[in-house]
Protein backbone atom coordinates (compact mmCIF):
# COMPACT_ATOMS: atom_id res chain seq x y z
CA MET A 1 42.12 -256.86 58.77
CA ASP A 2 43.05 -253.87 56.61
CA PHE A 3 45.64 -253.93 53.86
CA GLN A 4 48.26 -252.15 56.00
CA ALA A 5 48.07 -254.91 58.60
CA ILE A 6 48.44 -257.52 55.85
CA GLN A 7 51.45 -255.62 54.49
CA GLN A 8 53.08 -255.49 57.93
CA ALA A 9 52.43 -259.19 58.48
CA SER A 10 53.95 -259.95 55.07
CA GLN A 11 56.97 -257.78 55.91
CA ARG A 12 57.51 -259.65 59.18
CA LEU A 13 57.22 -262.99 57.37
CA LYS A 14 59.60 -261.86 54.62
CA ASP A 15 62.22 -260.72 57.15
CA ASN A 16 61.84 -263.88 59.22
CA ARG A 17 65.03 -265.96 59.13
CA ALA A 18 63.06 -269.21 59.31
CA PHE A 19 61.02 -268.21 56.24
CA GLU A 20 64.22 -267.42 54.35
CA LEU A 21 65.70 -270.80 55.27
CA PHE A 22 62.45 -272.50 54.22
CA VAL A 23 62.61 -270.85 50.78
CA VAL A 24 66.27 -271.84 50.43
CA GLY A 25 65.31 -275.42 51.31
CA VAL A 26 62.57 -275.38 48.67
CA ILE A 27 65.06 -274.11 46.07
CA ILE A 28 67.47 -276.93 46.95
CA PHE A 29 64.59 -279.42 46.76
CA SER A 30 63.67 -277.96 43.36
CA ALA A 31 67.24 -278.55 42.18
CA LEU A 32 67.00 -282.19 43.33
CA ILE A 33 63.74 -282.59 41.38
CA ILE A 34 65.44 -281.24 38.25
CA GLY A 35 68.26 -283.73 38.75
CA ALA A 36 65.81 -286.60 39.28
CA LYS A 37 64.18 -285.89 35.93
CA THR A 38 67.46 -286.59 34.15
CA TYR A 39 67.39 -290.26 35.24
CA HIS A 40 65.40 -293.07 33.64
CA ILE A 41 62.72 -293.63 36.25
CA PRO A 42 59.36 -295.49 36.14
CA GLU A 43 56.38 -293.57 34.82
CA GLU A 44 54.62 -293.63 38.22
CA ILE A 45 57.58 -292.02 39.94
CA ARG A 46 57.94 -289.54 37.09
CA MET A 47 54.33 -288.46 37.58
CA PHE A 48 54.94 -288.09 41.32
CA VAL A 49 58.02 -285.96 40.62
CA ALA A 50 55.93 -283.82 38.24
CA TYR A 51 53.39 -283.17 41.03
CA LEU A 52 56.22 -282.27 43.40
CA ASP A 53 57.56 -279.85 40.81
CA MET A 54 54.14 -278.27 40.51
CA GLY A 55 53.93 -277.89 44.30
CA VAL A 56 57.36 -276.23 44.37
CA THR A 57 56.24 -273.79 41.68
CA PHE A 58 53.16 -272.76 43.68
CA ILE A 59 55.31 -272.28 46.80
CA PHE A 60 57.56 -269.98 44.77
CA LEU A 61 54.49 -268.11 43.53
CA LEU A 62 53.25 -267.65 47.10
CA GLU A 63 56.68 -266.39 48.16
CA ILE A 64 56.72 -263.84 45.33
CA ILE A 65 53.24 -262.63 46.32
CA ILE A 66 54.35 -262.22 49.95
CA ARG A 67 57.40 -260.21 48.90
CA PHE A 68 55.25 -258.05 46.61
CA ILE A 69 52.68 -257.33 49.34
CA ALA A 70 55.47 -256.55 51.82
CA GLU A 71 56.87 -253.84 49.53
CA PRO A 72 55.53 -250.44 50.71
CA ASN A 73 55.82 -248.92 47.23
CA LYS A 74 54.74 -251.53 44.71
CA LYS A 75 56.55 -249.77 41.85
CA ASP A 76 59.87 -250.22 43.67
CA PHE A 77 59.39 -253.98 43.62
CA PHE A 78 59.99 -254.09 39.87
CA LYS A 79 62.95 -251.72 40.05
CA SER A 80 65.01 -254.65 41.31
CA GLY A 81 66.38 -256.85 38.55
CA TRP A 82 66.31 -259.89 40.84
CA ASN A 83 62.60 -259.39 41.59
CA ILE A 84 61.88 -259.24 37.86
CA PHE A 85 63.98 -262.36 37.29
CA ASP A 86 62.20 -264.27 40.06
CA THR A 87 58.78 -263.22 38.82
CA VAL A 88 59.49 -264.19 35.20
CA VAL A 89 60.93 -267.57 36.18
CA VAL A 90 57.99 -268.41 38.45
CA VAL A 91 55.30 -267.20 36.04
CA VAL A 92 56.80 -269.07 33.08
CA SER A 93 57.09 -272.20 35.25
CA LEU A 94 53.31 -272.06 35.75
CA ILE A 95 52.66 -272.38 32.00
CA PRO A 96 52.05 -276.04 31.03
CA VAL A 97 54.43 -276.51 28.11
CA ASP A 98 55.62 -280.09 28.72
CA GLU A 99 53.55 -281.49 25.87
CA SER A 100 54.12 -278.63 23.42
CA ASP A 101 56.88 -277.41 21.14
CA MET A 102 58.06 -275.13 23.95
CA ALA A 103 58.82 -278.06 26.26
CA LEU A 104 62.57 -277.50 25.99
CA VAL A 105 62.19 -273.82 26.92
CA GLY A 106 60.03 -274.77 29.89
CA ARG A 107 62.66 -277.21 31.16
CA LEU A 108 65.37 -274.59 30.80
CA ILE A 109 63.31 -272.06 32.75
CA ARG A 110 62.85 -274.59 35.56
CA ILE A 111 66.60 -275.14 35.64
CA PHE A 112 67.12 -271.41 36.16
CA ARG A 113 64.97 -271.60 39.30
CA VAL A 114 68.13 -272.72 41.09
CA LEU A 115 69.50 -269.21 40.48
CA ARG A 116 66.79 -267.89 42.80
CA MET A 117 69.21 -268.87 45.56
CA VAL A 118 71.17 -265.75 44.63
CA SER A 119 68.17 -263.46 44.98
CA ILE A 120 67.25 -264.94 48.36
CA ILE A 121 70.67 -264.95 50.04
CA PRO A 122 72.16 -261.41 50.34
CA GLU A 123 75.75 -262.69 50.55
CA LEU A 124 75.42 -264.39 47.16
CA ARG A 125 73.94 -261.21 45.68
CA THR A 126 76.95 -259.27 46.97
CA LEU A 127 79.35 -261.72 45.35
CA LEU A 128 77.54 -261.63 42.02
CA ASN A 129 77.20 -257.83 42.06
CA SER A 130 80.93 -257.57 42.75
CA LEU A 131 81.71 -259.83 39.81
CA VAL A 132 79.48 -257.78 37.49
CA ARG A 133 81.06 -254.51 38.68
CA ALA A 134 84.51 -255.98 38.10
CA LEU A 135 83.79 -256.91 34.46
CA PRO A 136 84.89 -253.56 32.95
CA GLN A 137 88.27 -253.80 34.69
CA LEU A 138 88.56 -257.50 33.93
CA GLY A 139 87.95 -256.77 30.26
CA TYR A 140 91.32 -255.04 29.89
CA VAL A 141 93.10 -257.88 31.68
CA VAL A 142 91.40 -260.42 29.41
CA LEU A 143 92.35 -258.36 26.35
CA LEU A 144 95.99 -258.26 27.41
CA MET A 145 95.90 -261.99 28.15
CA PHE A 146 94.47 -262.62 24.66
CA ILE A 147 97.36 -260.65 23.14
CA ILE A 148 99.86 -262.80 25.06
CA PHE A 149 98.01 -265.95 23.98
CA TYR A 150 98.03 -264.83 20.35
CA ILE A 151 101.76 -264.02 20.33
CA TYR A 152 102.75 -267.29 21.97
CA ALA A 153 100.35 -269.27 19.76
CA ALA A 154 101.93 -267.75 16.64
CA ILE A 155 105.40 -268.62 17.92
CA GLY A 156 104.35 -272.15 18.85
CA SER A 157 102.68 -272.76 15.50
CA THR A 158 105.80 -271.53 13.71
CA PHE A 159 108.30 -273.71 15.56
CA PHE A 160 106.31 -276.75 16.67
CA SER A 161 103.77 -277.44 13.89
CA THR A 162 106.04 -280.03 12.27
CA ILE A 163 106.54 -281.81 15.61
CA ASN A 164 102.86 -282.34 16.40
CA PRO A 165 100.28 -280.85 13.98
CA ASP A 166 97.45 -281.96 16.27
CA LEU A 167 98.67 -279.53 18.95
CA TRP A 168 100.38 -276.80 16.93
CA GLY A 169 98.90 -277.13 13.41
CA ASP A 170 97.53 -273.56 13.26
CA ILE A 171 97.14 -270.58 15.53
CA THR A 172 93.68 -271.51 16.86
CA ILE A 173 94.77 -275.05 17.79
CA SER A 174 97.93 -273.59 19.31
CA MET A 175 95.82 -271.29 21.51
CA LEU A 176 93.84 -274.30 22.74
CA THR A 177 97.11 -276.10 23.49
CA LEU A 178 98.36 -273.07 25.41
CA PHE A 179 95.12 -273.02 27.41
CA ARG A 180 95.90 -276.63 28.33
CA VAL A 181 99.39 -275.54 29.37
CA MET A 182 98.02 -272.64 31.44
CA THR A 183 95.67 -274.97 33.34
CA PHE A 184 98.56 -277.43 33.93
CA GLU A 185 96.68 -280.28 32.20
CA ASP A 186 99.56 -282.68 31.32
CA TRP A 187 101.54 -279.67 30.14
CA THR A 188 104.87 -281.38 30.81
CA ASP A 189 104.04 -283.99 28.15
CA VAL A 190 103.64 -281.19 25.61
CA MET A 191 106.88 -279.56 26.74
CA TYR A 192 108.96 -282.73 26.68
CA GLU A 193 107.70 -283.52 23.17
CA THR A 194 108.98 -280.20 21.80
CA MET A 195 112.16 -280.33 23.88
CA ALA A 196 113.15 -283.51 22.04
CA VAL A 197 113.59 -281.33 18.94
CA HIS A 198 114.16 -277.89 20.49
CA PRO A 199 115.95 -278.40 23.85
CA LEU A 200 115.51 -274.75 24.89
CA SER A 201 111.74 -274.76 24.33
CA TRP A 202 111.27 -275.09 28.12
CA PHE A 203 111.89 -271.33 28.29
CA TYR A 204 108.87 -270.79 26.01
CA TYR A 205 106.55 -272.72 28.36
CA LEU A 206 107.89 -271.31 31.61
CA THR A 207 107.61 -267.69 30.50
CA PHE A 208 104.08 -268.31 29.20
CA ILE A 209 103.01 -269.94 32.49
CA PHE A 210 104.54 -267.11 34.50
CA LEU A 211 102.70 -264.46 32.48
CA THR A 212 99.30 -266.17 32.42
CA ALA A 213 98.84 -268.62 35.30
CA PHE A 214 100.74 -266.50 37.82
CA ALA A 215 100.69 -262.83 36.81
CA PHE A 216 97.38 -262.36 34.98
CA LEU A 217 95.26 -264.71 37.07
CA ASN A 218 96.50 -263.03 40.25
CA MET A 219 95.56 -259.70 38.69
CA VAL A 220 92.04 -261.03 38.10
CA ILE A 221 91.78 -262.20 41.71
CA GLY A 222 93.07 -258.85 42.96
CA ILE A 223 90.52 -256.90 40.93
CA VAL A 224 87.61 -259.08 42.12
CA VAL A 225 88.70 -258.84 45.77
CA ASN A 226 89.08 -255.05 45.51
CA VAL A 227 85.62 -254.65 43.95
CA LEU A 228 84.17 -256.99 46.60
CA GLU A 229 85.56 -254.77 49.36
CA ASP A 230 84.08 -251.70 47.66
CA GLU A 231 80.72 -253.48 47.40
CA HIS A 232 80.76 -254.31 51.12
CA ALA A 233 81.64 -250.68 51.94
CA ARG A 234 78.79 -249.43 49.73
CA GLU A 235 76.30 -251.78 51.39
CA ARG A 236 77.43 -250.70 54.87
CA LYS A 237 77.00 -247.06 53.87
CA GLU A 238 73.50 -247.70 52.50
CA GLN A 239 72.57 -249.60 55.65
CA GLU A 240 73.83 -246.78 57.86
CA GLU A 241 71.90 -244.23 55.80
CA ALA A 242 68.74 -246.35 56.04
CA GLU A 243 69.14 -246.68 59.81
CA GLY A 244 69.76 -242.94 60.11
CA LYS A 245 66.63 -242.25 58.08
CA VAL A 246 64.58 -244.51 60.34
CA GLN A 247 65.95 -242.80 63.44
CA LEU A 248 65.22 -239.37 61.96
CA GLU A 249 61.66 -240.39 61.15
CA GLY A 250 61.27 -241.64 64.73
CA VAL A 251 62.53 -238.33 66.12
CA MET A 252 60.18 -236.36 63.84
CA GLU A 253 57.22 -238.46 64.91
CA GLU A 254 58.12 -237.91 68.57
CA LEU A 255 58.42 -234.15 68.02
CA GLN A 256 55.03 -234.08 66.31
CA ARG A 257 53.53 -236.01 69.20
CA LEU A 258 55.01 -233.60 71.75
CA ARG A 259 53.85 -230.63 69.69
CA LYS A 260 50.33 -232.03 69.58
CA MET A 261 50.35 -232.53 73.33
CA VAL A 262 51.47 -228.93 73.91
CA GLU A 263 48.78 -227.61 71.58
CA GLU A 264 46.12 -229.64 73.38
CA LYS A 265 47.20 -228.25 76.79
CA GLN A 266 47.05 -224.71 75.47
């Protein structure tokens, strides 16, 4: 069997839905192994879990090799950030560091193996890519939200610090208190406490909640949804271009075949 046949077989295996589901199952099993290691378990079971973890790592290594062989242009394999991430995580997981000073780093790397779920499932990659593309736009919203937080924290620290220094003692503590108010974590208790001294302080809380929890958070959701739609449109366009390229290559091959037949008859 030549290398091209091996590459085609690897491509078929990589594109197989059952193989994808198997890898997803192994990733989930890997996450369960990581969770099991956090419990106090007998040494015999811990050794068995360690062997299972080693088996999972070798399965991941085999999957990376299959994906690498299936790539027609090997240089393109490392142009994908997710392929680099998967390769680094798997290779580092193969290094025995449990009994060394790098044991903590090794455990952290194994934890990140759960993130391989994103590289395997295209829908998760689309969601994450959309979130990353939305970050520049979200930055301005976050900046404006910080300004609102800062202004309200300064006001709260000025008027309410004598009522409860633990919540309004300085501007940083006031910002933490306002974050509690924005997330609706017992915010009415905070409001009623200040209303006992300043009856109109309810206006302070309601305007802050309207600006942050309602207005700004909805802006964040709108930006993410808009970028997600753009990402889907871009992927559909790339898929259509890829399909058109395949069809064009098929037509060119057919024309070459017909031309060769005509030349042979002449």
